[in-house]
């Protein structure tokens, strides 16, 4: 099995274009037998996916934004996605706990009258 020098995707013998990235497959490219022999993943996406606590804070303050970021980034930026999703989840749990305490307080207040 050969691999595309542009994106690293597997290519079949005799294939003229990479189905993943659309790069033209030339005869020299067919010599590459190991994935990633010439291909190197760009490090810019890896450096962007830091799992910063800032995304968790954003997810906690705005749970809908945290949920959306979790959905959008779960494949491309898994650490940032997890941070935003955990922040949103914690926010929802804390809010539910506060509402339960508030409800118990109101019931106790009303029944005490």
PDB file of N, CA and C in Angstrom:
ATOM      1  N   UNK A   1       0.854  -1.181   0.000  1.00  0.00           N
ATOM      2  CA  UNK A   1       0.000   0.000   0.000  1.00  0.00           C
ATOM      3  C   UNK A   1       0.895   1.236   0.000  1.00  0.00           C
ATOM      4  N   UNK A   2       0.541   2.209  -0.809  1.00  0.00           N
ATOM      5  CA  UNK A   2       1.281   3.463  -0.886  1.00  0.00           C
ATOM      6  C   UNK A   2       0.540   4.555  -0.134  1.00  0.00           C
ATOM      7  N   UNK A   3       1.231   5.654   0.115  1.00  0.00           N
ATOM      8  CA  UNK A   3       0.662   6.756   0.875  1.00  0.00           C
ATOM      9  C   UNK A   3       0.913   8.076   0.156  1.00  0.00           C
ATOM     10  N   UNK A   4      -0.046   8.982   0.263  1.00  0.00           N
ATOM     11  CA  UNK A   4       0.055  10.301  -0.358  1.00  0.00           C
ATOM     12  C   UNK A   4       1.138  11.117   0.349  1.00  0.00           C
ATOM     13  N   UNK A   5       2.017  11.758  -0.445  1.00  0.00           N
ATOM     14  CA  UNK A   5       3.066  12.591   0.137  1.00  0.00           C
ATOM     15  C   UNK A   5       2.516  13.915   0.642  1.00  0.00           C
ATOM     16  N   UNK A   6       1.333  14.278   0.206  1.00  0.00           N
ATOM     17  CA  UNK A   6       0.753  15.566   0.614  1.00  0.00           C
ATOM     18  C   UNK A   6       0.021  15.462   1.950  1.00  0.00           C
ATOM     19  N   UNK A   7      -0.823  14.427   2.116  1.00  0.00           N
ATOM     20  CA  UNK A   7      -1.636  14.332   3.340  1.00  0.00           C
ATOM     21  C   UNK A   7      -1.389  13.066   4.147  1.00  0.00           C
ATOM     22  N   UNK A   8      -0.681  12.075   3.601  1.00  0.00           N
ATOM     23  CA  UNK A   8      -0.400  10.852   4.334  1.00  0.00           C
ATOM     24  C   UNK A   8      -1.469   9.778   4.240  1.00  0.00           C
ATOM     25  N   UNK A   9      -2.520  10.007   3.457  1.00  0.00           N
ATOM     26  CA  UNK A   9      -3.624   9.060   3.306  1.00  0.00           C
ATOM     27  C   UNK A   9      -3.185   7.879   2.437  1.00  0.00           C
ATOM     28  N   UNK A  10      -3.732   6.684   2.691  1.00  0.00           N
ATOM     29  CA  UNK A  10      -3.435   5.514   1.872  1.00  0.00           C
ATOM     30  C   UNK A  10      -3.946   5.733   0.456  1.00  0.00           C
ATOM     31  N   UNK A  11      -3.164   5.311  -0.521  1.00  0.00           N
ATOM     32  CA  UNK A  11      -3.584   5.389  -1.928  1.00  0.00           C
ATOM     33  C   UNK A  11      -3.388   4.023  -2.572  1.00  0.00           C
ATOM     34  N   UNK A  12      -4.219   3.729  -3.537  1.00  0.00           N
ATOM     35  CA  UNK A  12      -4.157   2.462  -4.245  1.00  0.00           C
ATOM     36  C   UNK A  12      -3.207   2.570  -5.427  1.00  0.00           C
ATOM     37  N   UNK A  13      -2.592   1.468  -5.825  1.00  0.00           N
ATOM     38  CA  UNK A  13      -1.728   1.504  -7.016  1.00  0.00           C
ATOM     39  C   UNK A  13      -2.540   1.915  -8.246  1.00  0.00           C
ATOM     40  N   UNK A  14      -1.974   2.760  -9.067  1.00  0.00           N
ATOM     41  CA  UNK A  14      -2.641   3.223 -10.276  1.00  0.00           C
ATOM     42  C   UNK A  14      -3.562   4.413 -10.056  1.00  0.00           C
ATOM     43  N   UNK A  15      -3.714   4.841  -8.837  1.00  0.00           N
ATOM     44  CA  UNK A  15      -4.571   5.985  -8.521  1.00  0.00           C
ATOM     45  C   UNK A  15      -3.872   7.266  -8.972  1.00  0.00           C
ATOM     46  N   UNK A  16      -4.608   8.157  -9.659  1.00  0.00           N
ATOM     47  CA  UNK A  16      -4.001   9.372 -10.193  1.00  0.00           C
ATOM     48  C   UNK A  16      -4.108  10.557  -9.249  1.00  0.00           C
ATOM     49  N   UNK A  17      -5.142  10.576  -8.380  1.00  0.00           N
ATOM     50  CA  UNK A  17      -5.344  11.661  -7.433  1.00  0.00           C
ATOM     51  C   UNK A  17      -5.636  11.079  -6.059  1.00  0.00           C
ATOM     52  N   UNK A  18      -5.227  11.800  -5.032  1.00  0.00           N
ATOM     53  CA  UNK A  18      -5.539  11.388  -3.665  1.00  0.00           C
ATOM     54  C   UNK A  18      -7.009  11.690  -3.395  1.00  0.00           C
ATOM     55  N   UNK A  19      -7.753  10.689  -2.921  1.00  0.00           N
ATOM     56  CA  UNK A  19      -9.170  10.889  -2.636  1.00  0.00           C
ATOM     57  C   UNK A  19      -9.392  11.789  -1.424  1.00  0.00           C
ATOM     58  N   UNK A  20      -8.398  11.892  -0.554  1.00  0.00           N
ATOM     59  CA  UNK A  20      -8.531  12.697   0.657  1.00  0.00           C
ATOM     60  C   UNK A  20      -8.267  14.180   0.394  1.00  0.00           C
ATOM     61  N   UNK A  21      -7.126  14.509  -0.221  1.00  0.00           N
ATOM     62  CA  UNK A  21      -6.746  15.920  -0.382  1.00  0.00           C
ATOM     63  C   UNK A  21      -6.812  16.407  -1.822  1.00  0.00           C
ATOM     64  N   UNK A  22      -6.913  15.500  -2.797  1.00  0.00           N
ATOM     65  CA  UNK A  22      -7.013  15.897  -4.196  1.00  0.00           C
ATOM     66  C   UNK A  22      -5.668  16.118  -4.867  1.00  0.00           C
ATOM     67  N   UNK A  23      -4.568  15.858  -4.169  1.00  0.00           N
ATOM     68  CA  UNK A  23      -3.243  16.058  -4.757  1.00  0.00           C
ATOM     69  C   UNK A  23      -3.000  15.035  -5.862  1.00  0.00           C
ATOM     70  N   UNK A  24      -2.290  15.481  -6.895  1.00  0.00           N
ATOM     71  CA  UNK A  24      -1.967  14.586  -8.003  1.00  0.00           C
ATOM     72  C   UNK A  24      -0.883  13.611  -7.553  1.00  0.00           C
ATOM     73  N   UNK A  25      -1.082  12.331  -7.876  1.00  0.00           N
ATOM     74  CA  UNK A  25      -0.124  11.290  -7.515  1.00  0.00           C
ATOM     75  C   UNK A  25       0.832  11.132  -8.687  1.00  0.00           C
ATOM     76  N   UNK A  26       2.139  11.307  -8.438  1.00  0.00           N
ATOM     77  CA  UNK A  26       3.109  11.121  -9.520  1.00  0.00           C
ATOM     78  C   UNK A  26       3.844   9.802  -9.331  1.00  0.00           C
ATOM     79  N   UNK A  27       4.671   9.425 -10.294  1.00  0.00           N
ATOM     80  CA  UNK A  27       5.329   8.122 -10.256  1.00  0.00           C
ATOM     81  C   UNK A  27       6.330   8.013  -9.112  1.00  0.00           C
ATOM     82  N   UNK A  28       7.003   9.106  -8.758  1.00  0.00           N
ATOM     83  CA  UNK A  28       7.951   9.044  -7.652  1.00  0.00           C
ATOM     84  C   UNK A  28       7.220   8.808  -6.328  1.00  0.00           C
ATOM     85  N   UNK A  29       6.002   9.304  -6.223  1.00  0.00           N
ATOM     86  CA  UNK A  29       5.246   9.153  -4.987  1.00  0.00           C
ATOM     87  C   UNK A  29       4.908   7.694  -4.742  1.00  0.00           C
ATOM     88  N   UNK A  30       4.745   6.922  -5.796  1.00  0.00           N
ATOM     89  CA  UNK A  30       4.419   5.511  -5.648  1.00  0.00           C
ATOM     90  C   UNK A  30       5.525   4.721  -4.963  1.00  0.00           C
ATOM     91  N   UNK A  31       6.731   5.280  -4.860  1.00  0.00           N
ATOM     92  CA  UNK A  31       7.845   4.600  -4.223  1.00  0.00           C
ATOM     93  C   UNK A  31       7.710   4.562  -2.694  1.00  0.00           C
ATOM     94  N   UNK A  32       6.945   5.496  -2.133  1.00  0.00           N
ATOM     95  CA  UNK A  32       6.820   5.596  -0.676  1.00  0.00           C
ATOM     96  C   UNK A  32       5.975   4.448  -0.140  1.00  0.00           C
ATOM     97  N   UNK A  33       6.570   3.580   0.646  1.00  0.00           N
ATOM     98  CA  UNK A  33       5.857   2.433   1.190  1.00  0.00           C
ATOM     99  C   UNK A  33       5.423   2.637   2.640  1.00  0.00           C
ATOM    100  N   UNK A  34       5.997   3.593   3.343  1.00  0.00           N
ATOM    101  CA  UNK A  34       5.681   3.831   4.739  1.00  0.00           C
ATOM    102  C   UNK A  34       4.836   5.091   4.882  1.00  0.00           C
ATOM    103  N   UNK A  35       3.787   5.046   5.721  1.00  0.00           N
ATOM    104  CA  UNK A  35       3.001   6.251   5.927  1.00  0.00           C
ATOM    105  C   UNK A  35       3.850   7.319   6.602  1.00  0.00           C
ATOM    106  N   UNK A  36       3.766   8.517   6.070  1.00  0.00           N
ATOM    107  CA  UNK A  36       4.466   9.636   6.687  1.00  0.00           C
ATOM    108  C   UNK A  36       5.951   9.670   6.397  1.00  0.00           C
ATOM    109  N   UNK A  37       6.427   8.867   5.419  1.00  0.00           N
ATOM    110  CA  UNK A  37       7.849   8.872   5.113  1.00  0.00           C
ATOM    111  C   UNK A  37       8.277  10.266   4.657  1.00  0.00           C
ATOM    112  N   UNK A  38       7.475  10.910   3.857  1.00  0.00           N
ATOM    113  CA  UNK A  38       7.764  12.270   3.411  1.00  0.00           C
ATOM    114  C   UNK A  38       6.790  13.265   4.030  1.00  0.00           C
ATOM    115  N   UNK A  39       5.661  12.779   4.436  1.00  0.00           N
ATOM    116  CA  UNK A  39       4.605  13.640   4.961  1.00  0.00           C
ATOM    117  C   UNK A  39       4.847  13.943   6.432  1.00  0.00           C
ATOM    118  N   UNK A  40       4.725  15.217   6.803  1.00  0.00           N
ATOM    119  CA  UNK A  40       4.788  15.616   8.202  1.00  0.00           C
ATOM    120  C   UNK A  40       3.559  16.438   8.508  1.00  0.00           C
ATOM    121  N   UNK A  41       2.850  16.055   9.565  1.00  0.00           N
ATOM    122  CA  UNK A  41       1.655  16.800   9.941  1.00  0.00           C
ATOM    123  C   UNK A  41       2.046  18.200  10.373  1.00  0.00           C
ATOM    124  N   UNK A  42       1.234  19.185   9.989  1.00  0.00           N
ATOM    125  CA  UNK A  42       1.544  20.538  10.435  1.00  0.00           C
ATOM    126  C   UNK A  42       1.403  20.654  11.946  1.00  0.00           C
ATOM    127  N   UNK A  43       2.376  21.294  12.558  1.00  0.00           N
ATOM    128  CA  UNK A  43       2.365  21.398  14.016  1.00  0.00           C
ATOM    129  C   UNK A  43       1.496  22.547  14.498  1.00  0.00           C
ATOM    130  N   UNK A  44       1.003  23.393  13.589  1.00  0.00           N
ATOM    131  CA  UNK A  44       0.198  24.540  14.013  1.00  0.00           C
ATOM    132  C   UNK A  44      -1.105  24.102  14.665  1.00  0.00           C
ATOM    133  N   UNK A  45      -1.730  23.018  14.186  1.00  0.00           N
ATOM    134  CA  UNK A  45      -2.966  22.561  14.816  1.00  0.00           C
ATOM    135  C   UNK A  45      -2.683  21.929  16.168  1.00  0.00           C
ATOM    136  N   UNK A  46      -1.518  21.296  16.302  1.00  0.00           N
ATOM    137  CA  UNK A  46      -1.182  20.685  17.577  1.00  0.00           C
ATOM    138  C   UNK A  46      -0.908  21.750  18.627  1.00  0.00           C
ATOM    139  N   UNK A  47      -0.267  22.854  18.238  1.00  0.00           N
ATOM    140  CA  UNK A  47       0.022  23.895  19.210  1.00  0.00           C
ATOM    141  C   UNK A  47      -1.248  24.647  19.583  1.00  0.00           C
ATOM    142  N   UNK A  48      -2.235  24.686  18.698  1.00  0.00           N
ATOM    143  CA  UNK A  48      -3.485  25.357  19.009  1.00  0.00           C
ATOM    144  C   UNK A  48      -4.312  24.536  19.994  1.00  0.00           C
ATOM    145  N   UNK A  49      -4.170  23.245  20.005  1.00  0.00           N
ATOM    146  CA  UNK A  49      -4.950  22.363  20.869  1.00  0.00           C
ATOM    147  C   UNK A  49      -4.226  22.177  22.200  1.00  0.00           C
ATOM    148  N   UNK A  50      -4.307  23.194  23.056  1.00  0.00           N
ATOM    149  CA  UNK A  50      -3.545  23.171  24.298  1.00  0.00           C
ATOM    150  C   UNK A  50      -4.358  22.667  25.481  1.00  0.00           C
ATOM    151  N   UNK A  51      -5.672  22.615  25.353  1.00  0.00           N
ATOM    152  CA  UNK A  51      -6.510  22.226  26.483  1.00  0.00           C
ATOM    153  C   UNK A  51      -6.530  23.293  27.559  1.00  0.00           C
ATOM    154  N   UNK A  52      -6.425  24.531  27.138  1.00  0.00           N
ATOM    155  CA  UNK A  52      -6.349  25.668  28.055  1.00  0.00           C
ATOM    156  C   UNK A  52      -7.553  25.738  28.994  1.00  0.00           C
ATOM    157  N   UNK A  53      -7.318  26.075  30.270  1.00  0.00           N
ATOM    158  CA  UNK A  53      -8.440  26.214  31.201  1.00  0.00           C
ATOM    159  C   UNK A  53      -9.370  27.369  30.825  1.00  0.00           C
ATOM    160  N   UNK A  54      -8.897  28.259  29.976  1.00  0.00           N
ATOM    161  CA  UNK A  54      -9.755  29.356  29.518  1.00  0.00           C
ATOM    162  C   UNK A  54     -11.009  28.855  28.814  1.00  0.00           C
ATOM    163  N   UNK A  55     -10.864  27.772  28.053  1.00  0.00           N
ATOM    164  CA  UNK A  55     -12.038  27.204  27.370  1.00  0.00           C
ATOM    165  C   UNK A  55     -13.001  26.593  28.378  1.00  0.00           C
ATOM    166  N   UNK A  56     -12.480  26.035  29.456  1.00  0.00           N
ATOM    167  CA  UNK A  56     -13.333  25.501  30.513  1.00  0.00           C
ATOM    168  C   UNK A  56     -14.086  26.602  31.234  1.00  0.00           C
ATOM    169  N   UNK A  57     -13.407  27.727  31.466  1.00  0.00           N
ATOM    170  CA  UNK A  57     -14.058  28.869  32.107  1.00  0.00           C
ATOM    171  C   UNK A  57     -15.152  29.428  31.205  1.00  0.00           C
ATOM    172  N   UNK A  58     -14.854  29.523  29.901  1.00  0.00           N
ATOM    173  CA  UNK A  58     -15.872  29.984  28.951  1.00  0.00           C
ATOM    174  C   UNK A  58     -17.061  29.033  28.960  1.00  0.00           C
ATOM    175  N   UNK A  59     -16.795  27.726  28.938  1.00  0.00           N
ATOM    176  CA  UNK A  59     -17.870  26.740  28.972  1.00  0.00           C
ATOM    177  C   UNK A  59     -18.677  26.808  30.258  1.00  0.00           C
ATOM    178  N   UNK A  60     -18.011  27.143  31.379  1.00  0.00           N
ATOM    179  CA  UNK A  60     -18.716  27.268  32.648  1.00  0.00           C
ATOM    180  C   UNK A  60     -19.602  28.512  32.662  1.00  0.00           C
ATOM    181  N   UNK A  61     -19.073  29.632  32.169  1.00  0.00           N
ATOM    182  CA  UNK A  61     -19.836  30.891  32.179  1.00  0.00           C
ATOM    183  C   UNK A  61     -20.952  30.897  31.140  1.00  0.00           C
ATOM    184  N   UNK A  62     -20.684  30.288  29.993  1.00  0.00           N
ATOM    185  CA  UNK A  62     -21.677  30.228  28.910  1.00  0.00           C
ATOM    186  C   UNK A  62     -21.779  28.774  28.468  1.00  0.00           C
ATOM    187  N   UNK A  63     -22.612  27.980  29.140  1.00  0.00           N
ATOM    188  CA  UNK A  63     -22.665  26.542  28.850  1.00  0.00           C
ATOM    189  C   UNK A  63     -23.030  26.201  27.406  1.00  0.00           C
ATOM    190  N   UNK A  64     -23.874  27.013  26.789  1.00  0.00           N
ATOM    191  CA  UNK A  64     -24.239  26.738  25.396  1.00  0.00           C
ATOM    192  C   UNK A  64     -23.019  26.878  24.485  1.00  0.00           C
ATOM    193  N   UNK A  65     -22.187  27.873  24.745  1.00  0.00           N
ATOM    194  CA  UNK A  65     -20.959  28.046  23.956  1.00  0.00           C
ATOM    195  C   UNK A  65     -20.024  26.856  24.182  1.00  0.00           C
ATOM    196  N   UNK A  66     -19.916  26.386  25.431  1.00  0.00           N
ATOM    197  CA  UNK A  66     -19.081  25.218  25.721  1.00  0.00           C
ATOM    198  C   UNK A  66     -19.572  23.977  25.000  1.00  0.00           C
ATOM    199  N   UNK A  67     -20.882  23.788  24.949  1.00  0.00           N
ATOM    200  CA  UNK A  67     -21.458  22.640  24.243  1.00  0.00           C
ATOM    201  C   UNK A  67     -21.183  22.725  22.746  1.00  0.00           C
ATOM    202  N   UNK A  68     -21.366  23.911  22.183  1.00  0.00           N
ATOM    203  CA  UNK A  68     -21.115  24.100  20.748  1.00  0.00           C
ATOM    204  C   UNK A  68     -19.648  23.858  20.425  1.00  0.00           C
ATOM    205  N   UNK A  69     -18.721  24.408  21.243  1.00  0.00           N
ATOM    206  CA  UNK A  69     -17.293  24.185  21.003  1.00  0.00           C
ATOM    207  C   UNK A  69     -16.934  22.711  21.144  1.00  0.00           C
ATOM    208  N   UNK A  70     -17.550  22.024  22.097  1.00  0.00           N
ATOM    209  CA  UNK A  70     -17.284  20.595  22.258  1.00  0.00           C
ATOM    210  C   UNK A  70     -17.692  19.836  21.000  1.00  0.00           C
ATOM    211  N   UNK A  71     -18.864  20.151  20.456  1.00  0.00           N
ATOM    212  CA  UNK A  71     -19.353  19.467  19.259  1.00  0.00           C
ATOM    213  C   UNK A  71     -18.469  19.769  18.054  1.00  0.00           C
ATOM    214  N   UNK A  72     -18.111  21.040  17.878  1.00  0.00           N
ATOM    215  CA  UNK A  72     -17.356  21.462  16.694  1.00  0.00           C
ATOM    216  C   UNK A  72     -15.913  20.965  16.743  1.00  0.00           C
ATOM    217  N   UNK A  73     -15.286  20.995  17.905  1.00  0.00           N
ATOM    218  CA  UNK A  73     -13.863  20.687  18.016  1.00  0.00           C
ATOM    219  C   UNK A  73     -13.548  19.254  18.412  1.00  0.00           C
ATOM    220  N   UNK A  74     -14.530  18.400  18.631  1.00  0.00           N
ATOM    221  CA  UNK A  74     -14.225  17.095  19.225  1.00  0.00           C
ATOM    222  C   UNK A  74     -13.281  16.240  18.384  1.00  0.00           C
ATOM    223  N   UNK A  75     -13.218  16.419  17.074  1.00  0.00           N
ATOM    224  CA  UNK A  75     -12.286  15.646  16.243  1.00  0.00           C
ATOM    225  C   UNK A  75     -10.996  16.403  15.950  1.00  0.00           C
ATOM    226  N   UNK A  76     -11.095  17.728  15.751  1.00  0.00           N
ATOM    227  CA  UNK A  76      -9.934  18.514  15.350  1.00  0.00           C
ATOM    228  C   UNK A  76      -9.071  18.960  16.524  1.00  0.00           C
ATOM    229  N   UNK A  77      -9.696  19.364  17.608  1.00  0.00           N
ATOM    230  CA  UNK A  77      -8.973  19.875  18.778  1.00  0.00           C
ATOM    231  C   UNK A  77      -9.522  19.196  20.034  1.00  0.00           C
ATOM    232  N   UNK A  78      -9.173  17.927  20.252  1.00  0.00           N
ATOM    233  CA  UNK A  78      -9.807  17.155  21.325  1.00  0.00           C
ATOM    234  C   UNK A  78      -9.561  17.701  22.731  1.00  0.00           C
ATOM    235  N   UNK A  79      -8.385  18.250  22.999  1.00  0.00           N
ATOM    236  CA  UNK A  79      -8.116  18.760  24.354  1.00  0.00           C
ATOM    237  C   UNK A  79      -8.922  20.024  24.646  1.00  0.00           C
ATOM    238  N   UNK A  80      -8.956  20.965  23.689  1.00  0.00           N
ATOM    239  CA  UNK A  80      -9.766  22.176  23.874  1.00  0.00           C
ATOM    240  C   UNK A  80     -11.241  21.816  23.952  1.00  0.00           C
ATOM    241  N   UNK A  81     -11.649  20.853  23.136  1.00  0.00           N
ATOM    242  CA  UNK A  81     -13.039  20.400  23.136  1.00  0.00           C
ATOM    243  C   UNK A  81     -13.428  19.842  24.499  1.00  0.00           C
ATOM    244  N   UNK A  82     -12.565  19.015  25.052  1.00  0.00           N
ATOM    245  CA  UNK A  82     -12.844  18.418  26.362  1.00  0.00           C
ATOM    246  C   UNK A  82     -12.919  19.494  27.444  1.00  0.00           C
ATOM    247  N   UNK A  83     -12.016  20.463  27.382  1.00  0.00           N
ATOM    248  CA  UNK A  83     -12.003  21.533  28.375  1.00  0.00           C
ATOM    249  C   UNK A  83     -13.303  22.337  28.337  1.00  0.00           C
ATOM    250  N   UNK A  84     -13.738  22.724  27.144  1.00  0.00           N
ATOM    251  CA  UNK A  84     -14.986  23.489  27.007  1.00  0.00           C
ATOM    252  C   UNK A  84     -16.187  22.648  27.425  1.00  0.00           C
ATOM    253  N   UNK A  85     -16.200  21.378  27.052  1.00  0.00           N
ATOM    254  CA  UNK A  85     -17.316  20.494  27.404  1.00  0.00           C
ATOM    255  C   UNK A  85     -17.407  20.231  28.892  1.00  0.00           C
ATOM    256  N   UNK A  86     -16.271  20.027  29.541  1.00  0.00           N
ATOM    257  CA  UNK A  86     -16.265  19.806  30.990  1.00  0.00           C
ATOM    258  C   UNK A  86     -16.738  21.055  31.715  1.00  0.00           C
ATOM    259  N   UNK A  87     -16.300  22.231  31.245  1.00  0.00           N
ATOM    260  CA  UNK A  87     -16.763  23.480  31.854  1.00  0.00           C
ATOM    261  C   UNK A  87     -18.270  23.634  31.745  1.00  0.00           C
ATOM    262  N   UNK A  88     -18.820  23.307  30.577  1.00  0.00           N
ATOM    263  CA  UNK A  88     -20.269  23.393  30.380  1.00  0.00           C
ATOM    264  C   UNK A  88     -20.997  22.378  31.266  1.00  0.00           C
ATOM    265  N   UNK A  89     -20.467  21.165  31.372  1.00  0.00           N
ATOM    266  CA  UNK A  89     -21.090  20.132  32.196  1.00  0.00           C
ATOM    267  C   UNK A  89     -21.088  20.523  33.678  1.00  0.00           C
ATOM    268  N   UNK A  90     -19.969  21.040  34.143  1.00  0.00           N
ATOM    269  CA  UNK A  90     -19.890  21.481  35.542  1.00  0.00           C
ATOM    270  C   UNK A  90     -20.879  22.606  35.796  1.00  0.00           C
ATOM    271  N   UNK A  91     -21.010  23.522  34.848  1.00  0.00           N
ATOM    272  CA  UNK A  91     -21.955  24.631  34.992  1.00  0.00           C
ATOM    273  C   UNK A  91     -23.392  24.127  35.116  1.00  0.00           C
ATOM    274  N   UNK A  92     -23.754  23.162  34.306  1.00  0.00           N
ATOM    275  CA  UNK A  92     -25.111  22.609  34.346  1.00  0.00           C
ATOM    276  C   UNK A  92     -25.352  21.885  35.674  1.00  0.00           C
ATOM    277  N   UNK A  93     -24.373  21.128  36.147  1.00  0.00           N
ATOM    278  CA  UNK A  93     -24.522  20.406  37.419  1.00  0.00           C
ATOM    279  C   UNK A  93     -24.645  21.392  38.583  1.00  0.00           C
ATOM    280  N   UNK A  94     -23.801  22.421  38.600  1.00  0.00           N
ATOM    281  CA  UNK A  94     -23.869  23.424  39.671  1.00  0.00           C
ATOM    282  C   UNK A  94     -25.204  24.151  39.629  1.00  0.00           C
ATOM    283  N   UNK A  95     -25.669  24.512  38.434  1.00  0.00           N
ATOM    284  CA  UNK A  95     -26.963  25.198  38.312  1.00  0.00           C
ATOM    285  C   UNK A  95     -28.103  24.317  38.816  1.00  0.00           C
ATOM    286  N   UNK A  96     -28.093  23.052  38.473  1.00  0.00           N
ATOM    287  CA  UNK A  96     -29.137  22.134  38.927  1.00  0.00           C
ATOM    288  C   UNK A  96     -29.104  22.007  40.449  1.00  0.00           C
ATOM    289  N   UNK A  97     -27.915  21.918  41.016  1.00  0.00           N
ATOM    290  CA  UNK A  97     -27.783  21.833  42.466  1.00  0.00           C
ATOM    291  C   UNK A  97     -28.333  23.092  43.146  1.00  0.00           C
ATOM    292  N   UNK A  98     -28.027  24.259  42.597  1.00  0.00           N
ATOM    293  CA  UNK A  98     -28.533  25.522  43.159  1.00  0.00           C
ATOM    294  C   UNK A  98     -30.052  25.575  43.072  1.00  0.00           C
ATOM    295  N   UNK A  99     -30.632  25.149  41.949  1.00  0.00           N
ATOM    296  CA  UNK A  99     -32.093  25.148  41.810  1.00  0.00           C
ATOM    297  C   UNK A  99     -32.747  24.190  42.810  1.00  0.00           C
ATOM    298  N   UNK A 100     -32.141  23.045  43.055  1.00  0.00           N
ATOM    299  CA  UNK A 100     -32.691  22.095  44.023  1.00  0.00           C
ATOM    300  C   UNK A 100     -32.664  22.694  45.421  1.00  0.00           C
ATOM    301  N   UNK A 101     -31.541  23.290  45.805  1.00  0.00           N
ATOM    302  CA  UNK A 101     -31.433  23.935  47.120  1.00  0.00           C
ATOM    303  C   UNK A 101     -32.454  25.070  47.232  1.00  0.00           C
ATOM    304  N   UNK A 102     -32.593  25.859  46.189  1.00  0.00           N
ATOM    305  CA  UNK A 102     -33.551  26.968  46.176  1.00  0.00           C
ATOM    306  C   UNK A 102     -34.978  26.437  46.343  1.00  0.00           C
ATOM    307  N   UNK A 103     -35.312  25.362  45.642  1.00  0.00           N
ATOM    308  CA  UNK A 103     -36.644  24.772  45.728  1.00  0.00           C
ATOM    309  C   UNK A 103     -36.914  24.247  47.140  1.00  0.00           C
ATOM    310  N   UNK A 104     -35.941  23.562  47.731  1.00  0.00           N
ATOM    311  CA  UNK A 104     -36.103  23.052  49.103  1.00  0.00           C
ATOM    312  C   UNK A 104     -36.291  24.212  50.074  1.00  0.00           C
ATOM    313  N   UNK A 105     -35.540  25.276  49.906  1.00  0.00           N
ATOM    314  CA  UNK A 105     -35.655  26.452  50.755  1.00  0.00           C
ATOM    315  C   UNK A 105     -37.059  27.075  50.639  1.00  0.00           C
ATOM    316  N   UNK A 106     -37.573  27.179  49.407  1.00  0.00           N
ATOM    317  CA  UNK A 106     -38.905  27.751  49.200  1.00  0.00           C
ATOM    318  C   UNK A 106     -39.993  26.869  49.830  1.00  0.00           C
ATOM    319  N   UNK A 107     -39.865  25.563  49.662  1.00  0.00           N
ATOM    320  CA  UNK A 107     -40.859  24.651  50.235  1.00  0.00           C
ATOM    321  C   UNK A 107     -40.840  24.767  51.760  1.00  0.00           C
ATOM    322  N   UNK A 108     -39.659  24.831  52.361  1.00  0.00           N
ATOM    323  CA  UNK A 108     -39.536  24.965  53.807  1.00  0.00           C
ATOM    324  C   UNK A 108     -40.112  26.297  54.267  1.00  0.00           C
ATOM    325  N   UNK A 109     -39.889  27.343  53.511  1.00  0.00           N
ATOM    326  CA  UNK A 109     -40.387  28.669  53.858  1.00  0.00           C
ATOM    327  C   UNK A 109     -41.897  28.730  53.780  1.00  0.00           C
ATOM    328  N   UNK A 110     -42.478  28.149  52.730  1.00  0.00           N
ATOM    329  CA  UNK A 110     -43.917  28.169  52.550  1.00  0.00           C
ATOM    330  C   UNK A 110     -44.613  27.286  53.604  1.00  0.00           C
ATOM    331  N   UNK A 111     -44.070  26.111  53.887  1.00  0.00           N
ATOM    332  CA  UNK A 111     -44.696  25.214  54.847  1.00  0.00           C
ATOM    333  C   UNK A 111     -44.556  25.726  56.286  1.00  0.00           C
ATOM    334  N   UNK A 112     -43.588  26.623  56.528  1.00  0.00           N
ATOM    335  CA  UNK A 112     -43.399  27.186  57.853  1.00  0.00           C
ATOM    336  C   UNK A 112     -44.361  28.322  58.153  1.00  0.00           C
ATOM    337  N   UNK A 113     -45.063  28.808  57.162  1.00  0.00           N
ATOM    338  CA  UNK A 113     -45.980  29.940  57.384  1.00  0.00           C
ATOM    339  C   UNK A 113     -47.265  29.528  57.997  1.00  0.00           C
TER     340      UNK A 113
END
